[in-house]
C-alpha atoms as a PDB file:
ATOM      1  CA  MET A   1      60.428 -48.944 126.807  1.00  0.00           C
ATOM      2  CA  CYS A   2      62.293 -46.523 127.826  1.00  0.00           C
ATOM      3  CA  GLU A   3      61.886 -43.219 126.539  1.00  0.00           C
ATOM      4  CA  VAL A   4      63.864 -40.130 126.378  1.00  0.00           C
ATOM      5  CA  GLY A   5      60.281 -38.874 124.191  1.00  0.00           C
ATOM      6  CA  ARG A   6      61.544 -39.999 121.363  1.00  0.00           C
ATOM      7  CA  GLY A   7      63.290 -42.889 120.658  1.00  0.00           C
ATOM      8  CA  ASP A   8      65.217 -45.377 123.312  1.00  0.00           C
ATOM      9  CA  MET A   9      66.812 -43.476 126.512  1.00  0.00           C
ATOM     10  CA  HIS A  10      70.866 -44.453 127.033  1.00  0.00           C
ATOM     11  CA  ILE A  11      71.606 -43.058 130.684  1.00  0.00           C
ATOM     12  CA  ALA A  12      75.653 -43.431 132.032  1.00  0.00           C
ATOM     13  CA  MET A  13      76.930 -42.583 135.351  1.00  0.00           C
ATOM     14  CA  MET A  14      80.015 -41.942 137.054  1.00  0.00           C
ATOM     15  CA  THR A  15      79.580 -43.498 140.937  1.00  0.00           C
ATOM     16  CA  ALA A  16      80.676 -45.579 143.712  1.00  0.00           C
ATOM     17  CA  TRP A  17      79.901 -49.240 142.736  1.00  0.00           C
ATOM     18  CA  ASN A  18      79.900 -52.479 143.672  1.00  0.00           C
ATOM     19  CA  THR A  19      81.564 -51.141 146.613  1.00  0.00           C
ATOM     20  CA  ASP A  20      80.503 -50.081 150.479  1.00  0.00           C
ATOM     21  CA  SER A  21      79.834 -45.991 150.241  1.00  0.00           C
ATOM     22  CA  GLY A  22      76.598 -44.639 150.931  1.00  0.00           C
ATOM     23  CA  VAL A  23      76.975 -43.442 147.183  1.00  0.00           C
ATOM     24  CA  ALA A  24      76.689 -46.848 146.175  1.00  0.00           C
ATOM     25  CA  VAL A  25      74.051 -47.991 147.870  1.00  0.00           C
ATOM     26  CA  HIS A  26      71.920 -45.381 146.187  1.00  0.00           C
ATOM     27  CA  ALA A  27      73.418 -46.058 142.882  1.00  0.00           C
ATOM     28  CA  GLU A  28      72.685 -49.460 142.049  1.00  0.00           C
ATOM     29  CA  PRO A  29      69.400 -50.243 143.060  1.00  0.00           C
ATOM     30  CA  LEU A  30      68.723 -46.976 140.281  1.00  0.00           C
ATOM     31  CA  ALA A  31      70.515 -48.636 137.922  1.00  0.00           C
ATOM     32  CA  LYS A  32      69.045 -52.426 138.168  1.00  0.00           C
ATOM     33  CA  ALA A  33      65.287 -50.538 138.095  1.00  0.00           C
ATOM     34  CA  TRP A  34      66.660 -48.161 134.760  1.00  0.00           C
ATOM     35  CA  ARG A  35      67.487 -51.381 132.887  1.00  0.00           C
ATOM     36  CA  GLU A  36      65.007 -53.624 134.382  1.00  0.00           C
ATOM     37  CA  MET A  37      62.763 -50.811 132.780  1.00  0.00           C
ATOM     38  CA  GLY A  38      64.141 -51.428 129.104  1.00  0.00           C
ATOM     39  CA  CYS A  39      66.913 -49.183 129.670  1.00  0.00           C
ATOM     40  CA  ASP A  40      71.086 -49.187 128.339  1.00  0.00           C
ATOM     41  CA  VAL A  41      72.975 -48.118 131.571  1.00  0.00           C
ATOM     42  CA  THR A  42      76.962 -47.654 131.465  1.00  0.00           C
ATOM     43  CA  VAL A  43      78.095 -47.394 135.153  1.00  0.00           C
ATOM     44  CA  PHE A  44      81.920 -45.545 134.975  1.00  0.00           C
ATOM     45  CA  THR A  45      83.519 -46.303 137.853  1.00  0.00           C
ATOM     46  CA  HIS A  46      86.622 -45.931 140.153  1.00  0.00           C
ATOM     47  CA  THR A  47      89.581 -47.815 139.820  1.00  0.00           C
ATOM     48  CA  LYS A  48      90.342 -50.974 142.247  1.00  0.00           C
ATOM     49  CA  ASP A  49      92.987 -49.339 143.345  1.00  0.00           C
ATOM     50  CA  ASP A  50      91.186 -46.307 144.067  1.00  0.00           C
ATOM     51  CA  PHE A  51      87.959 -45.538 144.731  1.00  0.00           C
ATOM     52  CA  HIS A  52      85.523 -44.396 147.148  1.00  0.00           C
ATOM     53  CA  GLY A  53      84.772 -46.601 150.171  1.00  0.00           C
ATOM     54  CA  GLY A  54      85.471 -49.396 152.780  1.00  0.00           C
ATOM     55  CA  GLY A  55      86.004 -52.347 150.052  1.00  0.00           C
ATOM     56  CA  PHE A  56      84.258 -54.273 147.296  1.00  0.00           C
ATOM     57  CA  THR A  57      80.777 -55.595 148.048  1.00  0.00           C
ATOM     58  CA  ARG A  58      80.623 -57.885 145.413  1.00  0.00           C
ATOM     59  CA  GLU A  59      83.826 -59.953 142.720  1.00  0.00           C
ATOM     60  CA  GLU A  60      82.910 -59.668 139.510  1.00  0.00           C
ATOM     61  CA  ASP A  61      81.859 -56.231 137.821  1.00  0.00           C
ATOM     62  CA  GLU A  62      78.840 -56.257 136.097  1.00  0.00           C
ATOM     63  CA  ASP A  63      78.756 -56.937 131.947  1.00  0.00           C
ATOM     64  CA  TYR A  64      78.150 -52.752 132.081  1.00  0.00           C
ATOM     65  CA  VAL A  65      80.544 -51.336 134.143  1.00  0.00           C
ATOM     66  CA  ILE A  66      83.370 -50.093 133.128  1.00  0.00           C
ATOM     67  CA  ARG A  67      86.171 -48.597 135.439  1.00  0.00           C
ATOM     68  CA  CYS A  68      88.309 -45.625 134.427  1.00  0.00           C
ATOM     69  CA  PHE A  69      88.534 -43.335 136.879  1.00  0.00           C
ATOM     70  CA  GLY A  70      90.039 -42.638 140.334  1.00  0.00           C
ATOM     71  CA  THR A  71      89.169 -40.603 143.907  1.00  0.00           C
ATOM     72  CA  GLN A  72      90.583 -36.515 144.003  1.00  0.00           C
ATOM     73  CA  LYS A  73      93.059 -38.176 145.943  1.00  0.00           C
ATOM     74  CA  THR A  74      94.926 -38.886 142.125  1.00  0.00           C
ATOM     75  CA  ASN A  75      92.579 -37.209 140.131  1.00  0.00           C
ATOM     76  CA  PHE A  76      93.326 -40.808 138.178  1.00  0.00           C
ATOM     77  CA  LEU A  77      90.759 -40.270 134.838  1.00  0.00           C
ATOM     78  CA  ASP A  78      90.629 -42.413 131.460  1.00  0.00           C
ATOM     79  CA  PRO A  79      88.509 -39.955 129.383  1.00  0.00           C
ATOM     80  CA  ARG A  80      88.016 -42.555 126.574  1.00  0.00           C
ATOM     81  CA  PRO A  81      85.533 -44.930 127.869  1.00  0.00           C
ATOM     82  CA  VAL A  82      82.918 -41.494 128.788  1.00  0.00           C
ATOM     83  CA  LEU A  83      83.477 -40.002 125.108  1.00  0.00           C
ATOM     84  CA  THR A  84      83.590 -42.868 122.896  1.00  0.00           C
ATOM     85  CA  THR A  85      80.416 -44.109 124.724  1.00  0.00           C
ATOM     86  CA  ASP A  86      76.884 -42.526 123.041  1.00  0.00           C
ATOM     87  CA  PHE A  87      74.782 -41.697 126.051  1.00  0.00           C
ATOM     88  CA  ASP A  88      71.766 -39.638 125.850  1.00  0.00           C
ATOM     89  CA  VAL A  89      72.621 -38.349 130.159  1.00  0.00           C
ATOM     90  CA  LEU A  90      75.255 -38.637 132.032  1.00  0.00           C
ATOM     91  CA  VAL A  91      74.330 -38.885 135.967  1.00  0.00           C
ATOM     92  CA  VAL A  92      77.825 -37.773 138.437  1.00  0.00           C
ATOM     93  CA  GLN A  93      77.484 -38.796 141.813  1.00  0.00           C
ATOM     94  CA  ASP A  94      78.721 -37.116 144.686  1.00  0.00           C
ATOM     95  CA  LEU A  95      81.309 -35.060 142.767  1.00  0.00           C
ATOM     96  CA  ARG A  96      83.038 -34.773 146.364  1.00  0.00           C
ATOM     97  CA  MET A  97      84.558 -38.499 145.304  1.00  0.00           C
ATOM     98  CA  LEU A  98      85.282 -38.021 141.791  1.00  0.00           C
ATOM     99  CA  PRO A  99      88.322 -36.818 139.708  1.00  0.00           C
ATOM    100  CA  VAL A 100      87.279 -33.674 139.788  1.00  0.00           C
ATOM    101  CA  GLU A 101      90.283 -31.301 137.957  1.00  0.00           C
ATOM    102  CA  SER A 102      89.903 -33.779 135.171  1.00  0.00           C
ATOM    103  CA  LEU A 103      86.811 -34.458 134.888  1.00  0.00           C
ATOM    104  CA  SER A 104      86.216 -30.180 134.168  1.00  0.00           C
ATOM    105  CA  LYS A 105      88.756 -30.828 131.261  1.00  0.00           C
ATOM    106  CA  ILE A 106      86.118 -32.612 129.243  1.00  0.00           C
ATOM    107  CA  PHE A 107      83.059 -31.565 130.771  1.00  0.00           C
ATOM    108  CA  PRO A 108      82.101 -29.015 128.103  1.00  0.00           C
ATOM    109  CA  LEU A 109      82.900 -32.438 124.958  1.00  0.00           C
ATOM    110  CA  ILE A 110      80.324 -34.512 127.649  1.00  0.00           C
ATOM    111  CA  ARG A 111      77.604 -31.133 127.719  1.00  0.00           C
ATOM    112  CA  HIS A 112      77.635 -30.835 123.971  1.00  0.00           C
ATOM    113  CA  ARG A 113      76.346 -34.097 123.657  1.00  0.00           C
ATOM    114  CA  ALA A 114      74.063 -35.264 126.219  1.00  0.00           C
ATOM    115  CA  ARG A 115      72.486 -33.697 129.462  1.00  0.00           C
ATOM    116  CA  THR A 116      74.593 -33.733 132.663  1.00  0.00           C
ATOM    117  CA  VAL A 117      73.206 -34.259 136.172  1.00  0.00           C
ATOM    118  CA  HIS A 118      74.451 -34.633 139.713  1.00  0.00           C
ATOM    119  CA  VAL A 119      73.363 -36.362 142.191  1.00  0.00           C
ATOM    120  CA  VAL A 120      74.455 -34.719 145.724  1.00  0.00           C
ATOM    121  CA  HIS A 121      75.174 -35.727 148.434  1.00  0.00           C
ATOM    122  CA  GLU A 122      76.535 -33.085 150.567  1.00  0.00           C
ATOM    123  CA  ASN A 123      74.613 -32.119 153.606  1.00  0.00           C
ATOM    124  CA  LYS A 124      75.763 -28.703 153.261  1.00  0.00           C
ATOM    125  CA  LEU A 125      77.349 -25.865 150.509  1.00  0.00           C
ATOM    126  CA  PRO A 126      80.406 -26.906 150.379  1.00  0.00           C
ATOM    127  CA  GLN A 127      83.187 -23.998 150.604  1.00  0.00           C
ATOM    128  CA  GLU A 128      85.698 -24.927 147.894  1.00  0.00           C
ATOM    129  CA  PRO A 129      84.806 -23.206 144.989  1.00  0.00           C
ATOM    130  CA  TRP A 130      85.732 -25.795 142.618  1.00  0.00           C
ATOM    131  CA  PHE A 131      81.993 -28.258 143.836  1.00  0.00           C
ATOM    132  CA  TYR A 132      80.455 -24.924 141.300  1.00  0.00           C
ATOM    133  CA  GLN A 133      82.565 -24.647 138.347  1.00  0.00           C
ATOM    134  CA  PHE A 134      80.180 -26.988 136.285  1.00  0.00           C
ATOM    135  CA  ASP A 135      77.622 -25.860 134.696  1.00  0.00           C
ATOM    136  CA  TRP A 136      75.021 -28.665 135.070  1.00  0.00           C
ATOM    137  CA  ASP A 137      71.777 -29.418 133.203  1.00  0.00           C
ATOM    138  CA  GLY A 138      70.297 -30.965 136.303  1.00  0.00           C
ATOM    139  CA  VAL A 139      70.737 -31.361 139.848  1.00  0.00           C
ATOM    140  CA  VAL A 140      69.314 -33.677 142.446  1.00  0.00           C
ATOM    141  CA  TYR A 141      68.943 -34.376 145.943  1.00  0.00           C
ATOM    142  CA  PHE A 142      67.282 -36.493 148.152  1.00  0.00           C
ATOM    143  CA  ASP A 143      66.655 -35.441 151.524  1.00  0.00           C
ATOM    144  CA  GLU A 144      64.806 -32.264 152.259  1.00  0.00           C
ATOM    145  CA  ARG A 145      67.661 -30.805 154.824  1.00  0.00           C
ATOM    146  CA  GLN A 146      69.549 -30.174 151.754  1.00  0.00           C
ATOM    147  CA  GLU A 147      67.320 -27.388 150.303  1.00  0.00           C
ATOM    148  CA  PHE A 148      69.971 -25.240 150.876  1.00  0.00           C
ATOM    149  CA  LEU A 149      71.268 -26.153 147.322  1.00  0.00           C
ATOM    150  CA  ASN A 150      68.349 -23.819 145.969  1.00  0.00           C
ATOM    151  CA  ASP A 151      70.383 -21.092 147.285  1.00  0.00           C
ATOM    152  CA  VAL A 152      72.543 -21.974 144.430  1.00  0.00           C
ATOM    153  CA  TYR A 153      70.957 -24.049 141.809  1.00  0.00           C
ATOM    154  CA  PRO A 154      66.911 -21.871 141.755  1.00  0.00           C
ATOM    155  CA  HIS A 155      65.573 -25.935 139.759  1.00  0.00           C
ATOM    156  CA  ALA A 156      67.200 -28.313 141.935  1.00  0.00           C
ATOM    157  CA  LYS A 157      65.171 -31.038 142.206  1.00  0.00           C
ATOM    158  CA  LEU A 158      64.257 -33.507 145.193  1.00  0.00           C
ATOM    159  CA  ILE A 159      64.237 -37.255 144.298  1.00  0.00           C
ATOM    160  CA  PRO A 160      64.297 -39.429 147.376  1.00  0.00           C
ATOM    161  CA  PHE A 161      67.053 -41.925 148.234  1.00  0.00           C
ATOM    162  CA  PRO A 162      65.370 -45.491 146.564  1.00  0.00           C
ATOM    163  CA  CYS A 163      64.901 -48.588 149.278  1.00  0.00           C
ATOM    164  CA  PHE A 164      65.809 -51.355 148.029  1.00  0.00           C
ATOM    165  CA  PRO A 165      63.374 -54.311 147.453  1.00  0.00           C
ATOM    166  CA  THR A 166      61.375 -56.053 149.698  1.00  0.00           C
ATOM    167  CA  ARG A 167      62.845 -59.687 150.438  1.00  0.00           C
ATOM    168  CA  SER A 168      62.374 -61.905 152.329  1.00  0.00           C
ATOM    169  CA  ARG A 169      64.557 -66.108 153.171  1.00  0.00           C
ATOM    170  CA  ASP A 170      63.559 -68.937 155.889  1.00  0.00           C
ATOM    171  CA  LYS A 171      64.809 -67.837 158.964  1.00  0.00           C
ATOM    172  CA  ARG A 172      65.867 -71.144 160.010  1.00  0.00           C
ATOM    173  CA  GLU A 173      67.846 -71.958 156.828  1.00  0.00           C
ATOM    174  CA  ALA A 174      69.900 -68.534 157.389  1.00  0.00           C
ATOM    175  CA  ARG A 175      71.040 -69.366 161.160  1.00  0.00           C
ATOM    176  CA  LYS A 176      71.754 -72.554 159.291  1.00  0.00           C
ATOM    177  CA  LYS A 177      74.166 -71.600 156.749  1.00  0.00           C
ATOM    178  CA  LEU A 178      75.750 -68.673 158.879  1.00  0.00           C
ATOM    179  CA  ASN A 179      76.170 -71.676 162.281  1.00  0.00           C
ATOM    180  CA  LEU A 180      74.052 -69.271 164.142  1.00  0.00           C
ATOM    181  CA  PRO A 181      71.572 -70.950 167.207  1.00  0.00           C
ATOM    182  CA  VAL A 182      68.101 -71.677 165.857  1.00  0.00           C
ATOM    183  CA  ASN A 183      66.370 -71.369 169.414  1.00  0.00           C
ATOM    184  CA  LYS A 184      67.336 -68.254 170.557  1.00  0.00           C
ATOM    185  CA  HIS A 185      66.653 -64.330 169.949  1.00  0.00           C
ATOM    186  CA  ILE A 186      69.022 -62.932 167.910  1.00  0.00           C
ATOM    187  CA  VAL A 187      70.193 -58.925 167.761  1.00  0.00           C
ATOM    188  CA  TYR A 188      72.132 -58.023 165.134  1.00  0.00           C
ATOM    189  CA  ILE A 189      74.488 -54.923 166.093  1.00  0.00           C
ATOM    190  CA  PHE A 190      75.810 -54.012 163.009  1.00  0.00           C
ATOM    191  CA  CYS A 191      79.494 -52.923 162.628  1.00  0.00           C
ATOM    192  CA  HIS A 192      80.692 -52.092 159.798  1.00  0.00           C
ATOM    193  CA  ARG A 193      80.744 -48.657 157.707  1.00  0.00           C
ATOM    194  CA  GLY A 194      81.457 -46.475 161.029  1.00  0.00           C
ATOM    195  CA  TYR A 195      78.447 -48.353 162.919  1.00  0.00           C
ATOM    196  CA  GLU A 196      78.975 -48.587 166.160  1.00  0.00           C
ATOM    197  CA  PRO A 197      78.569 -51.338 169.848  1.00  0.00           C
ATOM    198  CA  PHE A 198      76.511 -49.098 171.823  1.00  0.00           C
ATOM    199  CA  LEU A 199      74.724 -52.378 173.363  1.00  0.00           C
ATOM    200  CA  ARG A 200      76.957 -54.181 175.299  1.00  0.00           C
ATOM    201  CA  ASP A 201      74.604 -55.252 178.305  1.00  0.00           C
ATOM    202  CA  LEU A 202      71.369 -57.792 178.650  1.00  0.00           C
ATOM    203  CA  THR A 203      68.214 -57.384 181.079  1.00  0.00           C
ATOM    204  CA  LYS A 204      69.047 -60.865 183.245  1.00  0.00           C
ATOM    205  CA  GLU A 205      65.376 -62.089 182.331  1.00  0.00           C
ATOM    206  CA  LEU A 206      66.917 -61.165 178.227  1.00  0.00           C
ATOM    207  CA  LYS A 207      70.499 -63.205 179.247  1.00  0.00           C
ATOM    208  CA  LYS A 208      68.313 -66.193 179.229  1.00  0.00           C
ATOM    209  CA  GLU A 209      66.934 -66.372 175.754  1.00  0.00           C
ATOM    210  CA  THR A 210      69.099 -63.849 173.679  1.00  0.00           C
ATOM    211  CA  VAL A 211      72.189 -63.317 171.495  1.00  0.00           C
ATOM    212  CA  LEU A 212      73.917 -59.775 170.867  1.00  0.00           C
ATOM    213  CA  LEU A 213      75.681 -60.909 167.281  1.00  0.00           C
ATOM    214  CA  TYR A 214      78.264 -58.502 166.548  1.00  0.00           C
ATOM    215  CA  VAL A 215      79.294 -58.535 163.220  1.00  0.00           C
ATOM    216  CA  VAL A 216      82.773 -56.122 162.986  1.00  0.00           C
ATOM    217  CA  PRO A 217      85.547 -55.395 160.600  1.00  0.00           C
ATOM    218  CA  VAL A 218      88.698 -57.356 161.271  1.00  0.00           C
ATOM    219  CA  GLY A 219      91.058 -56.769 163.348  1.00  0.00           C
ATOM    220  CA  TYR A 220      87.943 -53.983 165.239  1.00  0.00           C
ATOM    221  CA  GLN A 221      88.545 -53.145 169.109  1.00  0.00           C
ATOM    222  CA  MET A 222      86.330 -55.181 171.533  1.00  0.00           C
ATOM    223  CA  VAL A 223      87.466 -55.741 174.965  1.00  0.00           C
ATOM    224  CA  GLU A 224      84.544 -58.768 175.078  1.00  0.00           C
ATOM    225  CA  LYS A 225      86.593 -60.044 171.767  1.00  0.00           C
ATOM    226  CA  ASP A 226      88.529 -63.129 173.715  1.00  0.00           C
ATOM    227  CA  ASP A 227      86.587 -63.571 176.486  1.00  0.00           C
ATOM    228  CA  PRO A 228      82.934 -62.472 175.340  1.00  0.00           C
ATOM    229  CA  PRO A 229      79.842 -64.010 178.060  1.00  0.00           C
ATOM    230  CA  PRO A 230      77.621 -67.062 176.439  1.00  0.00           C
ATOM    231  CA  TRP A 231      75.237 -64.593 175.181  1.00  0.00           C
ATOM    232  CA  MET A 232      77.776 -62.623 172.494  1.00  0.00           C
ATOM    233  CA  LEU A 233      79.167 -63.060 169.293  1.00  0.00           C
ATOM    234  CA  ILE A 234      81.646 -61.343 167.999  1.00  0.00           C
ATOM    235  CA  ARG A 235      81.520 -62.237 164.012  1.00  0.00           C
ATOM    236  CA  GLU A 236      85.068 -60.605 162.121  1.00  0.00           C
ATOM    237  CA  GLU A 237      83.646 -60.068 158.468  1.00  0.00           C
ATOM    238  CA  GLU A 238      85.608 -57.843 155.532  1.00  0.00           C
ATOM    239  CA  VAL A 239      83.333 -55.418 153.610  1.00  0.00           C
ATOM    240  CA  LEU A 240      80.271 -57.858 153.751  1.00  0.00           C
ATOM    241  CA  SER A 241      78.393 -58.506 150.371  1.00  0.00           C
ATOM    242  CA  GLU A 242      74.638 -57.558 149.647  1.00  0.00           C
ATOM    243  CA  GLU A 243      74.226 -61.391 150.204  1.00  0.00           C
ATOM    244  CA  ARG A 244      76.240 -61.552 152.894  1.00  0.00           C
ATOM    245  CA  PHE A 245      74.546 -58.207 154.758  1.00  0.00           C
ATOM    246  CA  ASP A 246      71.198 -59.786 153.896  1.00  0.00           C
ATOM    247  CA  ASP A 247      71.760 -63.105 155.259  1.00  0.00           C
ATOM    248  CA  TYR A 248      72.357 -61.500 158.742  1.00  0.00           C
ATOM    249  CA  LEU A 249      69.398 -59.723 158.800  1.00  0.00           C
ATOM    250  CA  PHE A 250      67.426 -63.038 157.762  1.00  0.00           C
ATOM    251  CA  ALA A 251      69.099 -64.829 160.258  1.00  0.00           C
ATOM    252  CA  SER A 252      68.119 -62.183 162.766  1.00  0.00           C
ATOM    253  CA  ASP A 253      64.648 -60.949 164.435  1.00  0.00           C
ATOM    254  CA  CYS A 254      66.184 -57.467 164.499  1.00  0.00           C
ATOM    255  CA  LEU A 255      68.699 -55.003 163.581  1.00  0.00           C
ATOM    256  CA  ILE A 256      70.428 -52.028 165.671  1.00  0.00           C
ATOM    257  CA  LEU A 257      71.520 -49.223 163.651  1.00  0.00           C
ATOM    258  CA  HIS A 258      74.016 -46.953 166.224  1.00  0.00           C
ATOM    259  CA  LYS A 259      75.571 -43.566 164.747  1.00  0.00           C
ATOM    260  CA  PHE A 260      75.228 -39.714 164.862  1.00  0.00           C
ATOM    261  CA  GLN A 261      77.609 -38.987 162.534  1.00  0.00           C
ATOM    262  CA  SER A 262      78.864 -40.203 159.029  1.00  0.00           C
ATOM    263  CA  LEU A 263      82.111 -40.707 158.109  1.00  0.00           C
ATOM    264  CA  TYR A 264      82.477 -38.644 154.563  1.00  0.00           C
ATOM    265  CA  LEU A 265      79.767 -36.463 154.938  1.00  0.00           C
ATOM    266  CA  GLY A 266      77.020 -38.449 154.541  1.00  0.00           C
ATOM    267  CA  VAL A 267      72.532 -37.827 155.027  1.00  0.00           C
ATOM    268  CA  VAL A 268      71.091 -40.294 155.277  1.00  0.00           C
ATOM    269  CA  SER A 269      71.600 -43.910 156.541  1.00  0.00           C
ATOM    270  CA  SER A 270      72.127 -45.754 153.272  1.00  0.00           C
ATOM    271  CA  THR A 271      72.509 -48.896 155.370  1.00  0.00           C
ATOM    272  CA  ALA A 272      69.070 -48.038 156.761  1.00  0.00           C
ATOM    273  CA  PHE A 273      67.543 -47.848 153.230  1.00  0.00           C
ATOM    274  CA  GLN A 274      69.120 -51.259 152.050  1.00  0.00           C
ATOM    275  CA  ALA A 275      68.040 -52.892 155.574  1.00  0.00           C
ATOM    276  CA  LEU A 276      64.586 -51.979 155.310  1.00  0.00           C
ATOM    277  CA  GLY A 277      62.802 -54.197 153.101  1.00  0.00           C
ATOM    278  CA  ALA A 278      64.620 -57.659 154.474  1.00  0.00           C
ATOM    279  CA  GLY A 279      61.757 -57.621 156.806  1.00  0.00           C
ATOM    280  CA  CYS A 280      64.069 -57.070 159.925  1.00  0.00           C
ATOM    281  CA  PRO A 281      62.905 -55.188 162.692  1.00  0.00           C
ATOM    282  CA  ILE A 282      65.179 -52.462 163.025  1.00  0.00           C
ATOM    283  CA  LEU A 283      66.056 -49.523 166.426  1.00  0.00           C
ATOM    284  CA  VAL A 284      67.687 -46.330 166.111  1.00  0.00           C
ATOM    285  CA  PRO A 285      69.150 -43.816 168.601  1.00  0.00           C
ATOM    286  CA  GLU A 286      66.670 -41.385 169.001  1.00  0.00           C
ATOM    287  CA  GLY A 287      68.450 -38.230 169.205  1.00  0.00           C
ATOM    288  CA  SER A 288      70.545 -39.396 165.850  1.00  0.00           C
ATOM    289  CA  ASP A 289      69.029 -37.473 162.322  1.00  0.00           C
ATOM    290  CA  TYR A 290      70.742 -39.506 160.489  1.00  0.00           C
ATOM    291  CA  PHE A 291      67.661 -41.612 159.805  1.00  0.00           C
ATOM    292  CA  ARG A 292      65.207 -39.196 158.941  1.00  0.00           C
ATOM    293  CA  PRO A 293      63.090 -39.223 156.439  1.00  0.00           C
ATOM    294  CA  LEU A 294      62.008 -42.941 158.635  1.00  0.00           C
ATOM    295  CA  GLN A 295      59.907 -42.444 162.001  1.00  0.00           C
ATOM    296  CA  ASN A 296      57.251 -45.314 162.931  1.00  0.00           C
ATOM    297  CA  GLU A 297      59.283 -47.436 160.402  1.00  0.00           C
ATOM    298  CA  LEU A 298      61.976 -47.928 163.014  1.00  0.00           C
ATOM    299  CA  LEU A 299      61.600 -48.254 166.995  1.00  0.00           C
ATOM    300  CA  HIS A 300      64.193 -45.189 168.552  1.00  0.00           C
ATOM    301  CA  TYR A 301      65.516 -45.371 171.909  1.00  0.00           C
ATOM    302  CA  ASN A 302      67.088 -43.155 174.071  1.00  0.00           C
ATOM    303  CA  ASP A 303      69.376 -45.194 176.418  1.00  0.00           C
ATOM    304  CA  VAL A 304      70.985 -48.913 176.945  1.00  0.00           C
ATOM    305  CA  SER A 305      67.955 -49.523 179.769  1.00  0.00           C
ATOM    306  CA  GLU A 306      65.437 -48.066 177.053  1.00  0.00           C
ATOM    307  CA  LEU A 307      66.382 -50.191 174.070  1.00  0.00           C
ATOM    308  CA  ASN A 308      66.517 -53.840 176.731  1.00  0.00           C
ATOM    309  CA  LYS A 309      63.051 -53.008 177.347  1.00  0.00           C
ATOM    310  CA  MET A 310      62.399 -52.582 173.459  1.00  0.00           C
ATOM    311  CA  LEU A 311      63.323 -55.470 172.677  1.00  0.00           C
ATOM    312  CA  ILE A 312      61.389 -57.318 175.268  1.00  0.00           C
ATOM    313  CA  LYS A 313      58.352 -56.343 174.003  1.00  0.00           C
ATOM    314  CA  LEU A 314      59.296 -56.697 170.474  1.00  0.00           C
ATOM    315  CA  PHE A 315      59.783 -60.017 171.261  1.00  0.00           C
ATOM    316  CA  ARG A 316      56.685 -60.858 173.204  1.00  0.00           C
ATOM    317  CA  ASP A 317      54.608 -58.618 170.851  1.00  0.00           C
ATOM    318  CA  GLY A 318      53.600 -59.924 167.797  1.00  0.00           C
ATOM    319  CA  GLU A 319      51.191 -56.978 167.162  1.00  0.00           C
ATOM    320  CA  MET A 320      53.974 -54.570 167.690  1.00  0.00           C
ATOM    321  CA  ARG A 321      56.550 -56.530 165.385  1.00  0.00           C
ATOM    322  CA  LYS A 322      53.856 -56.347 162.562  1.00  0.00           C
ATOM    323  CA  ASP A 323      52.597 -52.808 162.809  1.00  0.00           C
ATOM    324  CA  LEU A 324      56.814 -51.764 162.186  1.00  0.00           C
ATOM    325  CA  LEU A 325      56.981 -54.022 159.268  1.00  0.00           C
ATOM    326  CA  ASP A 326      54.281 -53.043 157.098  1.00  0.00           C
ATOM    327  CA  ALA A 327      55.145 -49.287 158.115  1.00  0.00           C
ATOM    328  CA  ALA A 328      58.437 -50.805 156.881  1.00  0.00           C
ATOM    329  CA  ASN A 329      57.500 -51.845 154.205  1.00  0.00           C
ATOM    330  CA  GLY A 330      54.981 -48.914 152.655  1.00  0.00           C
ATOM    331  CA  PHE A 331      57.553 -46.560 153.351  1.00  0.00           C
ATOM    332  CA  VAL A 332      59.562 -49.201 151.124  1.00  0.00           C
ATOM    333  CA  ALA A 333      56.657 -49.625 148.102  1.00  0.00           C
ATOM    334  CA  MET A 334      56.769 -45.429 147.864  1.00  0.00           C
ATOM    335  CA  ASN A 335      60.220 -46.120 147.483  1.00  0.00           C
ATOM    336  CA  SER A 336      60.944 -48.852 145.865  1.00  0.00           C
ATOM    337  CA  PRO A 337      63.539 -48.869 142.838  1.00  0.00           C
ATOM    338  CA  GLU A 338      61.628 -48.558 140.164  1.00  0.00           C
ATOM    339  CA  ILE A 339      59.502 -45.931 140.829  1.00  0.00           C
ATOM    340  CA  ILE A 340      62.036 -43.743 142.113  1.00  0.00           C
ATOM    341  CA  ALA A 341      64.033 -44.878 138.864  1.00  0.00           C
ATOM    342  CA  LYS A 342      60.587 -43.522 137.222  1.00  0.00           C
ATOM    343  CA  LEU A 343      61.585 -40.136 138.850  1.00  0.00           C
ATOM    344  CA  PHE A 344      64.240 -40.027 137.667  1.00  0.00           C
ATOM    345  CA  ILE A 345      63.304 -40.284 133.882  1.00  0.00           C
ATOM    346  CA  ASP A 346      60.505 -38.312 134.226  1.00  0.00           C
ATOM    347  CA  PHE A 347      63.631 -35.337 135.103  1.00  0.00           C
ATOM    348  CA  PHE A 348      65.124 -36.343 132.656  1.00  0.00           C
ATOM    349  CA  VAL A 349      62.571 -35.681 130.019  1.00  0.00           C
ATOM    350  CA  GLU A 350      61.605 -32.209 131.435  1.00  0.00           C
ATOM    351  CA  LEU A 351      65.610 -31.884 131.202  1.00  0.00           C
ATOM    352  CA  GLY A 352      64.516 -31.650 127.398  1.00  0.00           C
ATOM    353  CA  ARG A 353      68.100 -31.994 124.499  1.00  0.00           C
ATOM    354  CA  PRO A 354      71.388 -30.938 124.927  1.00  0.00           C
ATOM    355  CA  ARG A 355      71.412 -27.310 124.878  1.00  0.00           C
END
């Protein structure tokens, strides 16, 4: 059972949901783990015409999801679902992407009957005064580089970013499903969510046995698109569902995530945390802080030449591949949705009853 300390716990969350945003990637495995632990969960999220992210990853919402607010841009909030739902704790994910002004008007009512926790997704202390107007019962951050929050919130709590669960599927079947070659090494180059197609060429040795698979947004500009070489495949896709994203991971021999800076003041690569447990080795740029705290769980390259050499070694050195995936699976196990969800519940209990 999911315990408050006495009785069952009902957790509500205001968050992006079923979108390709990093906030949704953080929130969704947590909520699902809480439900599996026996908690009641209600998710309040953005309307479908005013949301955070590039698009939706699921056509139909789960039955515990209520779309009742917009972003700061419109400041729309229908307060009735929030105020008429009986919950013990309200988790607010990424205040910057919520209707702050409207939320502030009902916050005293919420705080009178439930504990309130803000999960901060900022990479520095915001300069805007509105950010500090809420008297949260608890503040949570997920990366050590966010310790600056303790200057304002001395009891802010570090709870790591949750990974998506370990999962697998037959590679040959995944390739057939996606109509991909079954007899080549496939390098999946992810180009949604602001990731870039850094690798645009292969050594002569790799070209014989390898395909570069670029999965790009519809209308994405690549000069090779009209006449790609035989070792290059360019797939235009709308925002990928979780299932479609996994299909490409299961079909591929490795994944390249190339990014140095987030689109939305992000701290970590939520995509890496989503992909890590799918059994597909991940390569990232050495100079990027975006992939911390991941270290031995990833391969880090400095330039195109080193990246090509890494690919050759990865495809030929089975022990290297095994060690990399073992490290990745170990990290996923330590930061599984169940473990992180339990850390949150322990924190909720520690906060006690509403003041």
